[in-house]
Amino acid sequence: MAMYIVDRLEESLAVIEVTEDNDRTHYATVPCSELPTNVQEGDLLTYEENVWAVDVQATMARREKLKQRFLKLGK
């Protein structure tokens, strides 16, 4: 299953980092109108049956992991 991360929001488009099962990464643009209204940069998304949704648990876990990495760099 691919992983989708919101890289950035640009006016009416979102740039999504897509990591495929084989670890290949590419970027795709998606109209913001197709995404949940509460989407933010850095959110992990799911895409099932033509519907995008924020994976809240995965987003929180990823943000915590990144926070811990930055804290380690500061020591």
C-alpha atoms as a PDB file:
ATOM      1  CA  MET A   1       0.000   0.000   0.000  1.00  0.00           C
ATOM      2  CA  ALA A   2       1.392   3.381  -0.963  1.00  0.00           C
ATOM      3  CA  MET A   3       2.036   6.128   1.581  1.00  0.00           C
ATOM      4  CA  TYR A   4       0.782   9.645   0.857  1.00  0.00           C
ATOM      5  CA  ILE A   5       2.157  12.707   2.684  1.00  0.00           C
ATOM      6  CA  VAL A   6       1.013  16.270   2.074  1.00  0.00           C
ATOM      7  CA  ASP A   7       4.226  18.063   1.101  1.00  0.00           C
ATOM      8  CA  ARG A   8       2.707  21.496   0.608  1.00  0.00           C
ATOM      9  CA  LEU A   9      -0.481  23.355  -0.190  1.00  0.00           C
ATOM     10  CA  GLU A  10      -0.391  25.808  -3.083  1.00  0.00           C
ATOM     11  CA  GLU A  11      -3.549  27.826  -3.675  1.00  0.00           C
ATOM     12  CA  SER A  12      -6.002  25.263  -5.052  1.00  0.00           C
ATOM     13  CA  LEU A  13      -3.553  22.338  -5.299  1.00  0.00           C
ATOM     14  CA  ALA A  14      -1.849  20.047  -2.823  1.00  0.00           C
ATOM     15  CA  VAL A  15       1.516  18.515  -3.639  1.00  0.00           C
ATOM     16  CA  ILE A  16       1.537  14.943  -2.344  1.00  0.00           C
ATOM     17  CA  GLU A  17       4.672  12.871  -1.778  1.00  0.00           C
ATOM     18  CA  VAL A  18       3.814   9.347  -2.855  1.00  0.00           C
ATOM     19  CA  THR A  19       5.970   6.449  -1.675  1.00  0.00           C
ATOM     20  CA  GLU A  20       5.156   3.224  -3.466  1.00  0.00           C
ATOM     21  CA  ASP A  21       5.494  -0.277  -2.001  1.00  0.00           C
ATOM     22  CA  ASN A  22       8.898  -0.622  -3.686  1.00  0.00           C
ATOM     23  CA  ASP A  23      10.114   2.563  -1.884  1.00  0.00           C
ATOM     24  CA  ARG A  24      10.041   4.630  -5.079  1.00  0.00           C
ATOM     25  CA  THR A  25       8.963   8.165  -4.323  1.00  0.00           C
ATOM     26  CA  HIS A  26       7.371  10.703  -6.627  1.00  0.00           C
ATOM     27  CA  TYR A  27       5.178  13.760  -6.302  1.00  0.00           C
ATOM     28  CA  ALA A  28       1.633  14.244  -7.511  1.00  0.00           C
ATOM     29  CA  THR A  29      -0.749  17.182  -7.409  1.00  0.00           C
ATOM     30  CA  VAL A  30      -4.294  16.839  -6.147  1.00  0.00           C
ATOM     31  CA  PRO A  31      -6.954  19.557  -6.188  1.00  0.00           C
ATOM     32  CA  CYS A  32      -7.538  20.774  -2.616  1.00  0.00           C
ATOM     33  CA  SER A  33     -11.251  20.400  -3.270  1.00  0.00           C
ATOM     34  CA  GLU A  34     -10.744  16.594  -3.287  1.00  0.00           C
ATOM     35  CA  LEU A  35      -9.056  16.588   0.141  1.00  0.00           C
ATOM     36  CA  PRO A  36     -10.586  16.910   3.598  1.00  0.00           C
ATOM     37  CA  THR A  37     -11.050  20.551   4.585  1.00  0.00           C
ATOM     38  CA  ASN A  38      -8.804  20.145   7.649  1.00  0.00           C
ATOM     39  CA  VAL A  39      -5.773  18.820   5.735  1.00  0.00           C
ATOM     40  CA  GLN A  40      -2.389  20.289   6.704  1.00  0.00           C
ATOM     41  CA  GLU A  41       1.147  20.060   5.411  1.00  0.00           C
ATOM     42  CA  GLY A  42       2.779  16.917   6.789  1.00  0.00           C
ATOM     43  CA  ASP A  43      -0.464  14.956   7.128  1.00  0.00           C
ATOM     44  CA  LEU A  44      -0.459  11.312   6.110  1.00  0.00           C
ATOM     45  CA  LEU A  45      -3.380  10.453   3.885  1.00  0.00           C
ATOM     46  CA  THR A  46      -5.240   7.357   2.865  1.00  0.00           C
ATOM     47  CA  TYR A  47      -6.870   6.958  -0.521  1.00  0.00           C
ATOM     48  CA  GLU A  48      -9.602   4.352  -0.739  1.00  0.00           C
ATOM     49  CA  GLU A  49     -12.505   4.091  -3.146  1.00  0.00           C
ATOM     50  CA  ASN A  50     -11.595   7.469  -4.669  1.00  0.00           C
ATOM     51  CA  VAL A  51     -11.784   9.228  -1.290  1.00  0.00           C
ATOM     52  CA  TRP A  52      -8.894  10.963   0.490  1.00  0.00           C
ATOM     53  CA  ALA A  53      -8.816  10.968   4.304  1.00  0.00           C
ATOM     54  CA  VAL A  54      -6.308  12.090   6.923  1.00  0.00           C
ATOM     55  CA  ASP A  55      -4.817   9.166   8.838  1.00  0.00           C
ATOM     56  CA  VAL A  56      -4.767  10.919  12.208  1.00  0.00           C
ATOM     57  CA  GLN A  57      -2.952   8.174  14.125  1.00  0.00           C
ATOM     58  CA  ALA A  58      -0.214   7.774  11.508  1.00  0.00           C
ATOM     59  CA  THR A  59       0.187  11.560  11.245  1.00  0.00           C
ATOM     60  CA  MET A  60       0.571  11.932  15.017  1.00  0.00           C
ATOM     61  CA  ALA A  61       3.047   9.039  15.197  1.00  0.00           C
ATOM     62  CA  ARG A  62       5.128  10.485  12.344  1.00  0.00           C
ATOM     63  CA  ARG A  63       5.172  13.957  13.911  1.00  0.00           C
ATOM     64  CA  GLU A  64       6.283  12.511  17.263  1.00  0.00           C
ATOM     65  CA  LYS A  65       9.042  10.490  15.588  1.00  0.00           C
ATOM     66  CA  LEU A  66      10.293  13.590  13.762  1.00  0.00           C
ATOM     67  CA  LYS A  67      10.120  15.624  16.978  1.00  0.00           C
ATOM     68  CA  GLN A  68      12.295  13.050  18.749  1.00  0.00           C
ATOM     69  CA  ARG A  69      14.830  13.130  15.898  1.00  0.00           C
ATOM     70  CA  PHE A  70      15.124  16.905  16.142  1.00  0.00           C
ATOM     71  CA  LEU A  71      15.534  16.717  19.919  1.00  0.00           C
ATOM     72  CA  LYS A  72      18.408  14.247  19.485  1.00  0.00           C
ATOM     73  CA  LEU A  73      20.092  16.617  17.024  1.00  0.00           C
ATOM     74  CA  GLY A  74      19.972  19.415  19.587  1.00  0.00           C
ATOM     75  CA  LYS A  75      22.004  17.477  22.174  1.00  0.00           C
END
